[in-house]
Structure formats: C-alpha cells, structure tokens
N, C-alpha and C. Protein backbone atom coordinates (compact mmCIF):
# COMPACT_ATOMS: atom_id res chain seq x y z
N MET A 1 0.82 -1.20 0.00
CA MET A 1 0.00 0.00 0.00
C MET A 1 0.86 1.25 0.00
N SER A 2 2.08 1.10 -0.43
CA SER A 2 2.96 2.24 -0.47
C SER A 2 2.79 2.98 -1.77
N GLY A 3 3.65 3.95 -2.01
CA GLY A 3 3.55 4.71 -3.24
C GLY A 3 2.59 5.85 -3.12
N THR A 4 2.72 6.67 -2.06
CA THR A 4 1.81 7.79 -1.88
C THR A 4 2.03 8.82 -2.97
N SER A 5 0.97 9.29 -3.55
CA SER A 5 1.08 10.28 -4.61
C SER A 5 1.42 11.64 -4.05
N THR A 6 2.27 12.37 -4.77
CA THR A 6 2.58 13.75 -4.40
C THR A 6 2.04 14.73 -5.42
N ALA A 7 1.47 14.23 -6.49
CA ALA A 7 1.04 15.11 -7.57
C ALA A 7 -0.17 15.93 -7.19
N VAL A 8 -0.95 15.46 -6.23
CA VAL A 8 -2.19 16.15 -5.91
C VAL A 8 -2.27 16.48 -4.44
N THR A 9 -1.13 16.63 -3.77
CA THR A 9 -1.18 16.96 -2.36
C THR A 9 -1.35 18.45 -2.17
N GLY A 10 -1.66 18.82 -0.92
CA GLY A 10 -1.86 20.22 -0.62
C GLY A 10 -2.79 20.35 0.55
N PRO A 11 -3.02 21.56 1.03
CA PRO A 11 -3.86 21.74 2.22
C PRO A 11 -5.29 21.33 2.02
N GLU A 12 -5.75 21.31 0.78
CA GLU A 12 -7.15 20.96 0.53
C GLU A 12 -7.32 19.51 0.11
N ARG A 13 -6.22 18.80 -0.23
CA ARG A 13 -6.34 17.45 -0.75
C ARG A 13 -5.30 16.55 -0.12
N PRO A 14 -5.63 15.85 0.97
CA PRO A 14 -4.66 14.95 1.60
C PRO A 14 -4.23 13.85 0.62
N ALA A 15 -2.99 13.43 0.75
CA ALA A 15 -2.45 12.43 -0.17
C ALA A 15 -2.85 11.03 0.24
N VAL A 16 -3.12 10.20 -0.74
CA VAL A 16 -3.33 8.77 -0.52
C VAL A 16 -2.51 8.03 -1.57
N SER A 17 -2.42 6.71 -1.43
CA SER A 17 -1.65 5.92 -2.37
C SER A 17 -2.19 6.06 -3.78
N ARG A 18 -1.29 5.92 -4.74
CA ARG A 18 -1.69 6.06 -6.15
C ARG A 18 -2.75 5.04 -6.52
N TRP A 19 -2.58 3.79 -6.02
CA TRP A 19 -3.56 2.78 -6.39
C TRP A 19 -4.92 3.10 -5.79
N LEU A 20 -4.96 3.76 -4.61
CA LEU A 20 -6.24 4.16 -4.03
C LEU A 20 -6.85 5.31 -4.82
N GLU A 21 -6.01 6.18 -5.36
CA GLU A 21 -6.53 7.25 -6.21
C GLU A 21 -7.22 6.65 -7.44
N ARG A 22 -6.56 5.65 -8.03
CA ARG A 22 -7.15 5.00 -9.20
C ARG A 22 -8.44 4.27 -8.82
N TYR A 23 -8.39 3.56 -7.69
CA TYR A 23 -9.61 2.86 -7.23
C TYR A 23 -10.74 3.85 -6.99
N THR A 24 -10.45 4.99 -6.37
CA THR A 24 -11.49 5.97 -6.08
C THR A 24 -12.11 6.49 -7.37
N ALA A 25 -11.26 6.83 -8.35
CA ALA A 25 -11.78 7.34 -9.61
C ALA A 25 -12.64 6.30 -10.32
N ILE A 26 -12.13 5.06 -10.38
CA ILE A 26 -12.88 3.99 -11.03
C ILE A 26 -14.13 3.65 -10.23
N GLY A 27 -14.01 3.66 -8.89
CA GLY A 27 -15.14 3.32 -8.05
C GLY A 27 -16.30 4.28 -8.19
N LEU A 28 -16.01 5.58 -8.30
CA LEU A 28 -17.09 6.55 -8.47
C LEU A 28 -17.82 6.33 -9.78
N VAL A 29 -17.06 5.98 -10.83
CA VAL A 29 -17.69 5.64 -12.11
C VAL A 29 -18.52 4.37 -11.96
N GLY A 30 -17.96 3.40 -11.22
CA GLY A 30 -18.68 2.14 -11.01
C GLY A 30 -20.00 2.33 -10.30
N LEU A 31 -20.06 3.27 -9.36
CA LEU A 31 -21.32 3.55 -8.67
C LEU A 31 -22.37 4.10 -9.62
N VAL A 32 -21.94 4.97 -10.52
CA VAL A 32 -22.87 5.52 -11.50
C VAL A 32 -23.35 4.44 -12.46
N VAL A 33 -22.39 3.62 -12.94
CA VAL A 33 -22.75 2.54 -13.85
C VAL A 33 -23.67 1.54 -13.15
N GLY A 34 -23.35 1.21 -11.90
CA GLY A 34 -24.19 0.28 -11.15
C GLY A 34 -25.61 0.79 -10.98
N THR A 35 -25.73 2.08 -10.71
CA THR A 35 -27.08 2.67 -10.59
C THR A 35 -27.84 2.55 -11.90
N GLY A 36 -27.13 2.82 -13.01
CA GLY A 36 -27.78 2.70 -14.32
C GLY A 36 -28.23 1.29 -14.62
N LEU A 37 -27.39 0.30 -14.26
CA LEU A 37 -27.75 -1.10 -14.50
C LEU A 37 -28.95 -1.52 -13.66
N CYS A 38 -29.02 -1.04 -12.43
CA CYS A 38 -30.19 -1.36 -11.60
C CYS A 38 -31.45 -0.74 -12.19
N LEU A 39 -31.34 0.49 -12.64
CA LEU A 39 -32.50 1.16 -13.23
C LEU A 39 -32.91 0.48 -14.54
N ALA A 40 -31.93 -0.09 -15.27
CA ALA A 40 -32.26 -0.78 -16.52
C ALA A 40 -33.21 -1.94 -16.28
N ALA A 41 -33.06 -2.60 -15.12
CA ALA A 41 -33.94 -3.73 -14.81
C ALA A 41 -35.38 -3.28 -14.64
N LEU A 42 -35.57 -2.02 -14.26
CA LEU A 42 -36.93 -1.51 -14.10
C LEU A 42 -37.70 -1.49 -15.41
N VAL A 43 -36.99 -1.30 -16.52
CA VAL A 43 -37.69 -1.17 -17.81
C VAL A 43 -37.77 -2.50 -18.54
N THR A 44 -37.30 -3.59 -17.92
CA THR A 44 -37.40 -4.89 -18.56
C THR A 44 -38.20 -5.90 -17.74
N ASN A 45 -38.13 -5.80 -16.42
CA ASN A 45 -38.77 -6.79 -15.56
C ASN A 45 -39.85 -6.15 -14.70
N PRO A 46 -40.98 -6.82 -14.54
CA PRO A 46 -42.07 -6.24 -13.75
C PRO A 46 -41.65 -5.93 -12.31
N VAL A 47 -40.90 -6.84 -11.69
CA VAL A 47 -40.45 -6.66 -10.31
C VAL A 47 -38.97 -7.03 -10.25
N PRO A 48 -38.08 -6.07 -10.43
CA PRO A 48 -36.65 -6.40 -10.41
C PRO A 48 -36.19 -7.02 -9.10
N ASP A 49 -36.67 -6.51 -7.97
CA ASP A 49 -36.24 -7.02 -6.67
C ASP A 49 -37.47 -7.49 -5.91
N PRO A 50 -37.65 -8.82 -5.77
CA PRO A 50 -38.84 -9.33 -5.06
C PRO A 50 -38.94 -8.87 -3.61
N SER A 51 -37.83 -8.40 -3.01
CA SER A 51 -37.91 -7.87 -1.66
C SER A 51 -38.73 -6.59 -1.61
N PHE A 52 -38.81 -5.92 -2.75
CA PHE A 52 -39.53 -4.64 -2.81
C PHE A 52 -40.50 -4.68 -3.99
N PRO A 53 -41.61 -5.40 -3.85
CA PRO A 53 -42.55 -5.55 -4.97
C PRO A 53 -43.15 -4.24 -5.45
N TRP A 54 -43.11 -3.21 -4.61
CA TRP A 54 -43.64 -1.91 -5.00
C TRP A 54 -42.72 -1.19 -5.99
N LEU A 55 -41.46 -1.68 -6.11
CA LEU A 55 -40.50 -1.04 -7.01
C LEU A 55 -40.71 -1.58 -8.42
N THR A 56 -41.64 -0.97 -9.13
CA THR A 56 -42.01 -1.45 -10.45
C THR A 56 -42.52 -0.30 -11.30
N LEU A 57 -42.56 -0.52 -12.60
CA LEU A 57 -43.11 0.46 -13.54
C LEU A 57 -44.35 -0.13 -14.21
N PRO A 58 -45.29 0.70 -14.61
CA PRO A 58 -46.44 0.18 -15.35
C PRO A 58 -45.99 -0.43 -16.67
N PRO A 59 -46.74 -1.40 -17.18
CA PRO A 59 -46.35 -2.08 -18.43
C PRO A 59 -46.09 -1.12 -19.59
N SER A 60 -46.81 -0.02 -19.63
CA SER A 60 -46.64 0.92 -20.74
C SER A 60 -45.26 1.56 -20.78
N LEU A 61 -44.54 1.53 -19.64
CA LEU A 61 -43.21 2.15 -19.57
C LEU A 61 -42.08 1.11 -19.64
N ARG A 62 -42.42 -0.16 -19.79
CA ARG A 62 -41.40 -1.20 -19.85
C ARG A 62 -41.19 -1.67 -21.28
N LEU A 63 -39.99 -2.15 -21.56
CA LEU A 63 -39.67 -2.70 -22.86
C LEU A 63 -40.30 -4.09 -23.00
N PRO A 64 -40.54 -4.52 -24.23
CA PRO A 64 -41.18 -5.84 -24.44
C PRO A 64 -40.21 -7.00 -24.32
N ILE A 65 -39.30 -6.92 -23.37
CA ILE A 65 -38.35 -8.01 -23.10
C ILE A 65 -38.25 -8.18 -21.59
N GLU A 66 -37.78 -9.34 -21.18
CA GLU A 66 -37.59 -9.57 -19.75
C GLU A 66 -36.26 -10.27 -19.54
N GLN A 67 -35.44 -9.71 -18.69
CA GLN A 67 -34.12 -10.28 -18.44
C GLN A 67 -34.22 -11.59 -17.68
N PRO A 68 -33.30 -12.52 -17.95
CA PRO A 68 -33.19 -13.70 -17.08
C PRO A 68 -32.68 -13.27 -15.71
N ARG A 69 -32.89 -14.12 -14.73
CA ARG A 69 -32.49 -13.81 -13.37
C ARG A 69 -31.31 -14.67 -12.92
N ILE A 70 -30.48 -14.10 -12.08
CA ILE A 70 -29.47 -14.85 -11.37
C ILE A 70 -30.00 -15.01 -9.95
N GLU A 71 -30.47 -16.21 -9.63
CA GLU A 71 -31.21 -16.42 -8.39
C GLU A 71 -32.45 -15.50 -8.37
N HIS A 72 -32.52 -14.55 -7.42
CA HIS A 72 -33.75 -13.76 -7.28
C HIS A 72 -33.78 -12.51 -8.15
N TRP A 73 -32.63 -12.12 -8.73
CA TRP A 73 -32.55 -10.79 -9.33
C TRP A 73 -32.17 -10.83 -10.81
N PRO A 74 -32.71 -9.91 -11.63
CA PRO A 74 -32.32 -9.83 -13.04
C PRO A 74 -30.82 -9.59 -13.18
N VAL A 75 -30.29 -9.95 -14.34
CA VAL A 75 -28.84 -9.90 -14.54
C VAL A 75 -28.28 -8.50 -14.30
N THR A 76 -28.85 -7.48 -14.95
CA THR A 76 -28.27 -6.15 -14.80
C THR A 76 -28.44 -5.62 -13.37
N TYR A 77 -29.53 -5.99 -12.72
CA TYR A 77 -29.74 -5.57 -11.33
C TYR A 77 -28.67 -6.21 -10.44
N THR A 78 -28.40 -7.50 -10.68
CA THR A 78 -27.37 -8.20 -9.91
C THR A 78 -26.01 -7.55 -10.10
N VAL A 79 -25.64 -7.31 -11.36
CA VAL A 79 -24.33 -6.69 -11.64
C VAL A 79 -24.27 -5.29 -11.03
N GLY A 80 -25.37 -4.55 -11.13
CA GLY A 80 -25.40 -3.19 -10.59
C GLY A 80 -25.22 -3.17 -9.08
N ILE A 81 -25.90 -4.07 -8.37
CA ILE A 81 -25.77 -4.12 -6.91
C ILE A 81 -24.37 -4.52 -6.50
N TRP A 82 -23.79 -5.50 -7.19
CA TRP A 82 -22.43 -5.92 -6.84
C TRP A 82 -21.41 -4.84 -7.17
N LEU A 83 -21.67 -4.03 -8.20
CA LEU A 83 -20.80 -2.88 -8.44
C LEU A 83 -20.87 -1.91 -7.26
N TRP A 84 -22.06 -1.70 -6.73
CA TRP A 84 -22.20 -0.84 -5.55
C TRP A 84 -21.42 -1.43 -4.37
N VAL A 85 -21.50 -2.74 -4.19
CA VAL A 85 -20.79 -3.38 -3.09
C VAL A 85 -19.28 -3.13 -3.22
N GLY A 86 -18.75 -3.36 -4.42
CA GLY A 86 -17.32 -3.23 -4.63
C GLY A 86 -16.81 -1.80 -4.67
N CYS A 87 -17.69 -0.87 -5.04
CA CYS A 87 -17.26 0.52 -5.24
C CYS A 87 -17.67 1.46 -4.11
N PHE A 88 -18.50 1.01 -3.19
CA PHE A 88 -19.01 1.88 -2.13
C PHE A 88 -17.90 2.56 -1.32
N PRO A 89 -16.78 1.87 -0.99
CA PRO A 89 -15.73 2.55 -0.23
C PRO A 89 -15.16 3.77 -0.93
N ALA A 90 -15.31 3.85 -2.24
CA ALA A 90 -14.80 5.02 -2.98
C ALA A 90 -15.46 6.30 -2.51
N LEU A 91 -16.69 6.22 -2.00
CA LEU A 91 -17.36 7.42 -1.49
C LEU A 91 -16.60 8.00 -0.30
N PHE A 92 -16.14 7.14 0.60
CA PHE A 92 -15.41 7.62 1.77
C PHE A 92 -14.04 8.18 1.37
N LEU A 93 -13.38 7.49 0.44
CA LEU A 93 -12.07 7.96 -0.01
C LEU A 93 -12.20 9.29 -0.75
N ALA A 94 -13.24 9.42 -1.56
CA ALA A 94 -13.45 10.68 -2.27
C ALA A 94 -13.77 11.80 -1.30
N GLY A 95 -14.58 11.51 -0.27
CA GLY A 95 -14.88 12.51 0.74
C GLY A 95 -13.64 12.95 1.48
N TYR A 96 -12.78 11.97 1.78
CA TYR A 96 -11.53 12.30 2.47
C TYR A 96 -10.64 13.18 1.60
N ARG A 97 -10.53 12.85 0.32
CA ARG A 97 -9.68 13.64 -0.56
C ARG A 97 -10.20 15.06 -0.72
N ARG A 98 -11.51 15.22 -0.69
CA ARG A 98 -12.08 16.55 -0.93
C ARG A 98 -12.21 17.38 0.33
N TRP A 99 -12.65 16.75 1.43
CA TRP A 99 -12.96 17.51 2.64
C TRP A 99 -12.14 17.11 3.86
N GLY A 100 -11.23 16.15 3.70
CA GLY A 100 -10.51 15.63 4.84
C GLY A 100 -9.72 16.67 5.61
N SER A 101 -9.15 17.64 4.91
CA SER A 101 -8.34 18.64 5.59
C SER A 101 -9.16 19.81 6.10
N ARG A 102 -10.45 19.82 5.82
CA ARG A 102 -11.30 20.95 6.23
C ARG A 102 -11.95 20.73 7.59
N VAL A 103 -11.87 19.51 8.09
CA VAL A 103 -12.47 19.21 9.40
C VAL A 103 -11.39 18.62 10.30
N ARG A 104 -11.56 18.80 11.59
CA ARG A 104 -10.61 18.25 12.55
C ARG A 104 -10.64 16.73 12.51
N ARG A 105 -9.49 16.13 12.45
CA ARG A 105 -9.36 14.68 12.37
C ARG A 105 -10.14 14.13 11.18
N GLY A 106 -9.89 14.72 10.02
CA GLY A 106 -10.62 14.31 8.81
C GLY A 106 -10.39 12.86 8.45
N ALA A 107 -9.16 12.34 8.63
CA ALA A 107 -8.90 10.93 8.32
C ALA A 107 -9.71 10.01 9.22
N ASP A 108 -9.80 10.37 10.52
CA ASP A 108 -10.60 9.55 11.44
C ASP A 108 -12.06 9.52 11.02
N LEU A 109 -12.56 10.65 10.57
CA LEU A 109 -13.97 10.74 10.17
C LEU A 109 -14.24 9.95 8.90
N TRP A 110 -13.50 10.25 7.82
CA TRP A 110 -13.82 9.72 6.51
C TRP A 110 -13.34 8.28 6.30
N LEU A 111 -12.19 7.94 6.87
CA LEU A 111 -11.62 6.63 6.61
C LEU A 111 -12.00 5.59 7.65
N VAL A 112 -12.45 6.04 8.81
CA VAL A 112 -12.76 5.09 9.89
C VAL A 112 -14.19 5.27 10.41
N GLY A 113 -14.51 6.48 10.89
CA GLY A 113 -15.79 6.70 11.55
C GLY A 113 -16.99 6.45 10.66
N LEU A 114 -16.99 7.02 9.47
CA LEU A 114 -18.14 6.84 8.59
C LEU A 114 -18.28 5.41 8.08
N PRO A 115 -17.18 4.72 7.70
CA PRO A 115 -17.34 3.29 7.39
C PRO A 115 -17.84 2.47 8.57
N ALA A 116 -17.41 2.83 9.80
CA ALA A 116 -17.90 2.11 10.97
C ALA A 116 -19.40 2.31 11.14
N LEU A 117 -19.87 3.54 11.01
CA LEU A 117 -21.31 3.80 11.11
C LEU A 117 -22.07 3.10 9.99
N ALA A 118 -21.49 3.06 8.80
CA ALA A 118 -22.14 2.38 7.68
C ALA A 118 -22.31 0.90 8.00
N MET A 119 -21.28 0.29 8.61
CA MET A 119 -21.40 -1.13 8.91
C MET A 119 -22.46 -1.38 9.97
N VAL A 120 -22.51 -0.53 10.99
CA VAL A 120 -23.57 -0.67 11.99
C VAL A 120 -24.94 -0.55 11.33
N GLY A 121 -25.08 0.43 10.45
CA GLY A 121 -26.36 0.65 9.79
C GLY A 121 -26.76 -0.50 8.89
N TRP A 122 -25.82 -0.98 8.04
CA TRP A 122 -26.15 -2.07 7.13
C TRP A 122 -26.44 -3.36 7.89
N THR A 123 -25.66 -3.62 8.95
CA THR A 123 -25.89 -4.84 9.73
C THR A 123 -27.26 -4.83 10.38
N THR A 124 -27.64 -3.68 10.94
CA THR A 124 -28.96 -3.56 11.57
C THR A 124 -30.07 -3.70 10.55
N TYR A 125 -29.89 -3.06 9.40
CA TYR A 125 -30.91 -3.15 8.35
C TYR A 125 -31.10 -4.60 7.90
N CYS A 126 -29.99 -5.29 7.61
CA CYS A 126 -30.10 -6.65 7.10
C CYS A 126 -30.68 -7.60 8.14
N ARG A 127 -30.38 -7.36 9.41
CA ARG A 127 -30.86 -8.27 10.46
C ARG A 127 -32.35 -8.06 10.75
N PHE A 128 -32.80 -6.81 10.81
CA PHE A 128 -34.14 -6.54 11.32
C PHE A 128 -35.12 -5.97 10.29
N PHE A 129 -34.65 -5.40 9.21
CA PHE A 129 -35.56 -4.68 8.32
C PHE A 129 -35.58 -5.19 6.88
N TRP A 130 -34.53 -5.83 6.43
CA TRP A 130 -34.48 -6.30 5.05
C TRP A 130 -35.52 -7.39 4.83
N PRO A 131 -36.43 -7.22 3.86
CA PRO A 131 -37.42 -8.28 3.55
C PRO A 131 -36.71 -9.46 2.91
N LYS A 132 -36.46 -10.50 3.67
CA LYS A 132 -35.63 -11.61 3.22
C LYS A 132 -36.38 -12.50 2.24
N LEU A 133 -35.66 -12.93 1.22
CA LEU A 133 -36.23 -13.79 0.20
C LEU A 133 -35.91 -15.25 0.51
N GLU A 134 -36.77 -16.13 0.09
CA GLU A 134 -36.55 -17.56 0.27
C GLU A 134 -36.45 -18.23 -1.10
N PRO A 135 -35.50 -19.14 -1.25
CA PRO A 135 -34.51 -19.52 -0.23
C PRO A 135 -33.36 -18.52 -0.18
N ALA A 136 -32.56 -18.61 0.88
CA ALA A 136 -31.34 -17.81 0.94
C ALA A 136 -30.42 -18.21 -0.21
N THR A 137 -29.63 -17.27 -0.70
CA THR A 137 -28.83 -17.53 -1.89
C THR A 137 -27.41 -17.01 -1.74
N TRP A 138 -26.48 -17.68 -2.42
CA TRP A 138 -25.09 -17.25 -2.46
C TRP A 138 -24.96 -15.87 -3.11
N ASN A 139 -25.95 -15.49 -3.88
CA ASN A 139 -25.88 -14.25 -4.67
C ASN A 139 -26.39 -13.04 -3.90
N ALA A 140 -26.62 -13.17 -2.60
CA ALA A 140 -27.14 -12.05 -1.82
C ALA A 140 -26.07 -10.98 -1.67
N PRO A 141 -26.28 -9.80 -2.25
CA PRO A 141 -25.26 -8.74 -2.17
C PRO A 141 -25.07 -8.28 -0.73
N SER A 142 -23.82 -8.12 -0.33
CA SER A 142 -23.49 -7.72 1.05
C SER A 142 -22.23 -6.88 1.02
N TYR A 143 -22.17 -5.89 1.92
CA TYR A 143 -21.07 -4.93 1.89
C TYR A 143 -19.82 -5.40 2.62
N THR A 144 -19.90 -6.50 3.35
CA THR A 144 -18.72 -7.10 3.98
C THR A 144 -18.84 -8.61 3.84
N LEU A 145 -17.70 -9.29 3.98
CA LEU A 145 -17.71 -10.74 3.86
C LEU A 145 -18.56 -11.38 4.94
N VAL A 146 -18.42 -10.90 6.19
CA VAL A 146 -19.18 -11.50 7.28
C VAL A 146 -20.67 -11.24 7.11
N CYS A 147 -21.04 -10.09 6.54
CA CYS A 147 -22.46 -9.83 6.25
C CYS A 147 -22.96 -10.78 5.17
N TRP A 148 -22.11 -11.08 4.18
CA TRP A 148 -22.51 -12.02 3.14
C TRP A 148 -22.80 -13.39 3.73
N LEU A 149 -22.00 -13.80 4.71
CA LEU A 149 -22.25 -15.09 5.35
C LEU A 149 -23.63 -15.14 5.99
N TYR A 150 -24.09 -13.98 6.52
CA TYR A 150 -25.44 -13.94 7.09
C TYR A 150 -26.50 -13.88 5.99
N CYS A 151 -26.31 -12.97 5.04
CA CYS A 151 -27.34 -12.76 4.02
C CYS A 151 -27.50 -13.96 3.11
N SER A 152 -26.47 -14.80 3.01
CA SER A 152 -26.57 -15.98 2.15
C SER A 152 -27.03 -17.21 2.91
N SER A 153 -27.28 -17.06 4.22
CA SER A 153 -27.70 -18.22 5.02
C SER A 153 -28.82 -17.91 6.00
N TYR A 154 -28.94 -16.62 6.39
CA TYR A 154 -29.87 -16.18 7.44
C TYR A 154 -29.57 -16.79 8.79
N ASP A 155 -28.35 -17.27 8.97
CA ASP A 155 -27.94 -17.84 10.26
C ASP A 155 -27.59 -16.68 11.20
N PRO A 156 -28.32 -16.53 12.33
CA PRO A 156 -28.05 -15.41 13.25
C PRO A 156 -26.61 -15.36 13.76
N LEU A 157 -25.94 -16.51 13.74
CA LEU A 157 -24.54 -16.53 14.18
C LEU A 157 -23.71 -15.51 13.42
N TRP A 158 -23.93 -15.45 12.10
CA TRP A 158 -23.13 -14.56 11.27
C TRP A 158 -23.56 -13.11 11.44
N SER A 159 -24.81 -12.88 11.73
CA SER A 159 -25.24 -11.52 12.03
C SER A 159 -24.62 -11.04 13.33
N ASN A 160 -24.56 -11.94 14.33
CA ASN A 160 -23.90 -11.58 15.59
C ASN A 160 -22.42 -11.29 15.36
N ALA A 161 -21.80 -12.07 14.47
CA ALA A 161 -20.40 -11.83 14.14
C ALA A 161 -20.23 -10.47 13.46
N ALA A 162 -21.19 -10.11 12.61
CA ALA A 162 -21.13 -8.81 11.95
C ALA A 162 -21.24 -7.69 12.97
N TYR A 163 -22.10 -7.87 13.96
CA TYR A 163 -22.20 -6.86 15.03
C TYR A 163 -20.90 -6.78 15.81
N ALA A 164 -20.24 -7.92 16.01
CA ALA A 164 -18.96 -7.90 16.73
C ALA A 164 -17.92 -7.09 15.95
N VAL A 165 -17.90 -7.28 14.63
CA VAL A 165 -16.98 -6.50 13.80
C VAL A 165 -17.37 -5.02 13.83
N ALA A 166 -18.67 -4.73 13.82
CA ALA A 166 -19.12 -3.34 13.89
C ALA A 166 -18.70 -2.70 15.22
N LEU A 167 -18.78 -3.47 16.31
CA LEU A 167 -18.32 -2.94 17.60
C LEU A 167 -16.81 -2.70 17.58
N LEU A 168 -16.08 -3.60 16.93
CA LEU A 168 -14.64 -3.38 16.76
C LEU A 168 -14.40 -2.11 15.98
N ALA A 169 -15.24 -1.87 14.97
CA ALA A 169 -15.11 -0.65 14.17
C ALA A 169 -15.29 0.59 15.02
N LEU A 170 -16.30 0.58 15.88
CA LEU A 170 -16.53 1.74 16.75
C LEU A 170 -15.37 1.91 17.73
N GLY A 171 -14.87 0.78 18.26
CA GLY A 171 -13.73 0.85 19.16
C GLY A 171 -12.49 1.37 18.45
N ALA A 172 -12.28 0.92 17.21
CA ALA A 172 -11.13 1.40 16.44
C ALA A 172 -11.25 2.89 16.17
N THR A 173 -12.47 3.35 15.93
CA THR A 173 -12.68 4.78 15.70
C THR A 173 -12.30 5.58 16.94
N ALA A 174 -12.75 5.10 18.12
CA ALA A 174 -12.42 5.80 19.37
C ALA A 174 -10.92 5.82 19.61
N LEU A 175 -10.25 4.70 19.35
CA LEU A 175 -8.80 4.65 19.53
C LEU A 175 -8.09 5.58 18.56
N ALA A 176 -8.60 5.64 17.32
CA ALA A 176 -7.97 6.50 16.33
C ALA A 176 -8.10 7.97 16.71
N VAL A 177 -9.28 8.35 17.20
CA VAL A 177 -9.50 9.74 17.60
C VAL A 177 -8.57 10.12 18.75
N ARG A 178 -8.34 9.19 19.67
CA ARG A 178 -7.50 9.47 20.84
C ARG A 178 -6.03 9.22 20.57
N ARG A 179 -5.71 8.80 19.34
CA ARG A 179 -4.32 8.53 18.96
C ARG A 179 -3.68 7.48 19.88
N HIS A 180 -4.47 6.50 20.26
CA HIS A 180 -3.98 5.44 21.14
C HIS A 180 -3.01 4.55 20.37
N GLY A 181 -2.07 3.97 21.09
CA GLY A 181 -1.06 3.13 20.45
C GLY A 181 -1.64 1.89 19.78
N LEU A 182 -2.80 1.43 20.25
CA LEU A 182 -3.43 0.25 19.65
C LEU A 182 -4.26 0.59 18.42
N ALA A 183 -4.42 1.86 18.11
CA ALA A 183 -5.29 2.27 17.01
C ALA A 183 -4.90 1.64 15.67
N PRO A 184 -3.62 1.67 15.26
CA PRO A 184 -3.29 1.08 13.95
C PRO A 184 -3.67 -0.39 13.84
N THR A 185 -3.39 -1.16 14.89
CA THR A 185 -3.74 -2.58 14.86
C THR A 185 -5.25 -2.78 14.80
N ALA A 186 -6.00 -1.99 15.58
CA ALA A 186 -7.46 -2.09 15.56
C ALA A 186 -8.01 -1.71 14.20
N LEU A 187 -7.43 -0.70 13.58
CA LEU A 187 -7.90 -0.27 12.26
C LEU A 187 -7.65 -1.35 11.21
N VAL A 188 -6.48 -1.95 11.25
CA VAL A 188 -6.18 -3.03 10.31
C VAL A 188 -7.13 -4.21 10.54
N GLY A 189 -7.38 -4.55 11.82
CA GLY A 189 -8.30 -5.64 12.12
C GLY A 189 -9.69 -5.37 11.59
N PHE A 190 -10.20 -4.17 11.86
CA PHE A 190 -11.52 -3.80 11.34
C PHE A 190 -11.52 -3.83 9.83
N GLY A 191 -10.47 -3.26 9.21
CA GLY A 191 -10.43 -3.21 7.76
C GLY A 191 -10.46 -4.58 7.12
N VAL A 192 -9.68 -5.51 7.64
CA VAL A 192 -9.63 -6.86 7.07
C VAL A 192 -10.95 -7.59 7.26
N LEU A 193 -11.51 -7.49 8.47
CA LEU A 193 -12.74 -8.23 8.77
C LEU A 193 -13.98 -7.65 8.09
N SER A 194 -13.87 -6.44 7.59
CA SER A 194 -15.05 -5.81 6.99
C SER A 194 -14.87 -5.49 5.50
N LEU A 195 -13.90 -6.13 4.86
CA LEU A 195 -13.72 -5.90 3.43
C LEU A 195 -14.96 -6.31 2.65
N PRO A 196 -15.31 -5.58 1.58
CA PRO A 196 -14.60 -4.44 1.01
C PRO A 196 -14.91 -3.10 1.68
N LEU A 197 -15.95 -3.03 2.52
CA LEU A 197 -16.31 -1.76 3.15
C LEU A 197 -15.16 -1.19 3.97
N GLY A 198 -14.35 -2.05 4.57
CA GLY A 198 -13.29 -1.60 5.46
C GLY A 198 -12.00 -1.18 4.76
N LEU A 199 -12.01 -1.11 3.42
CA LEU A 199 -10.80 -0.75 2.70
C LEU A 199 -10.19 0.58 3.18
N PRO A 200 -10.98 1.66 3.36
CA PRO A 200 -10.38 2.91 3.84
C PRO A 200 -9.72 2.76 5.21
N ALA A 201 -10.36 2.03 6.14
CA ALA A 201 -9.78 1.83 7.47
C ALA A 201 -8.53 0.98 7.39
N LEU A 202 -8.52 -0.02 6.52
CA LEU A 202 -7.33 -0.85 6.34
C LEU A 202 -6.17 0.00 5.86
N TYR A 203 -6.43 0.87 4.91
CA TYR A 203 -5.38 1.76 4.41
C TYR A 203 -4.87 2.67 5.51
N GLU A 204 -5.79 3.26 6.29
CA GLU A 204 -5.38 4.18 7.34
C GLU A 204 -4.58 3.45 8.43
N GLY A 205 -5.00 2.24 8.79
CA GLY A 205 -4.26 1.48 9.78
C GLY A 205 -2.87 1.12 9.29
N TYR A 206 -2.77 0.69 8.04
CA TYR A 206 -1.47 0.35 7.46
C TYR A 206 -0.58 1.58 7.42
N ARG A 207 -1.15 2.72 7.05
CA ARG A 207 -0.36 3.95 6.98
C ARG A 207 0.19 4.32 8.36
N ARG A 208 -0.62 4.14 9.39
CA ARG A 208 -0.16 4.47 10.75
C ARG A 208 0.89 3.49 11.25
N LEU A 209 0.77 2.22 10.84
CA LEU A 209 1.78 1.25 11.23
C LEU A 209 3.13 1.56 10.61
N GLN A 210 3.11 2.19 9.43
CA GLN A 210 4.35 2.54 8.76
C GLN A 210 5.04 3.73 9.40
N GLY A 211 4.31 4.46 10.26
CA GLY A 211 4.89 5.62 10.93
C GLY A 211 4.88 6.85 10.04
N PRO A 212 5.36 8.00 10.55
CA PRO A 212 5.35 9.24 9.79
C PRO A 212 6.22 9.16 8.54
C-alpha cells in the first residue's frame, strides 16, 4: 500500500496511495454505472427485486423483453448491486480527498468513523428490516464478507459476528481519535474483517503502522 502520490497533495487534498486514487476514480464511475444497470432492470422486468414488490413500472413504460435472473434478481440488477458493493468505499475515499483537511481529524472521520457507522447501519438493516427472500442464496449482495455469510444463510450466528466487527469498528474509531497506540492494529483488524467496506480503514491502519 505504499507509493503515496505527491502530484495532488496540498492543504485541501490529503495524499493517498496512487492505487487508491485510481480505485477511487474507477469506483465513483462504477457507482454511476451500477445505478444505471439497476434502473435498466426496471424497464425490462415487472419486479426487479422481489424484496420490494412496489419497485415497479407500469407495463406501458417497460420494454417488451424480460431479463433472465441470477437467483432472485435480473442480470443487470445483480451486476449493478455488486458494483455498488465493490465501489461503495470510494465514497469515503473521495470525501476524504475533498474535505478531509477541512475538518478536525478528517482521516478519522472519513476513513474510519463513517465506514464504521455504515457497517452498523447495514448490519442492523439486514438483520431486522431487510425483507428476506426464500430460499437464501449465495448471490445475496453484502457490503462485507461476514455480512454475506449472514445474508446468504440467514444464520443469526453470522449476524452476531457482523455486530462484533461493527463494535470493533466503533472501538477502532475511538482509539484513532484518541491517537492510542493500539489504534493502527485495531484499524487493520476492522479493515480486514469488513472488506470491502473496510478498505479505507485498512489503508489508514497500514499507513499508521508505517509511521510518519
């Protein structure tokens, strides 16, 4: 994760690794493309996502074709959601690059705190509010590996594990804010256990382990 870029550093734009810059740029495009692919399913299939049967268009606004499904979801909807899963961390990295130096402890906020809150939010949503489809499927999109283990099985054990990782995330955030000596290790732990969502925290933890 070395190779920090110097071409775009300055008081308004904190530096990150070159490969993260490329990932952020590609990821933001991926989010747009993923949104378009999800919307494309609306004009081909009556109900793209059976979890949300109200998400549909009248027949007069749909094309006279219907996409095949991968498990519960149309092909483009599936690809679009997985693009969101893989590219979602780019939002935090982009926020850090744009606003990280404008707020106190910007790296803690954008690279650790907000991903931690996102994991708490997604874990709670999937456990208690997501309208689950039957049967459970390997293709259930999830923002972390441990969340995928729950969403693809509905086994509460994995949801509890996701909450444990989310608690680690909050603890890592507190340690990072206080500049505690254990912060880098906690950040790396959270980042690895919550990939791909934890990519920004993994980078920040690795950077701190490398020292100034």
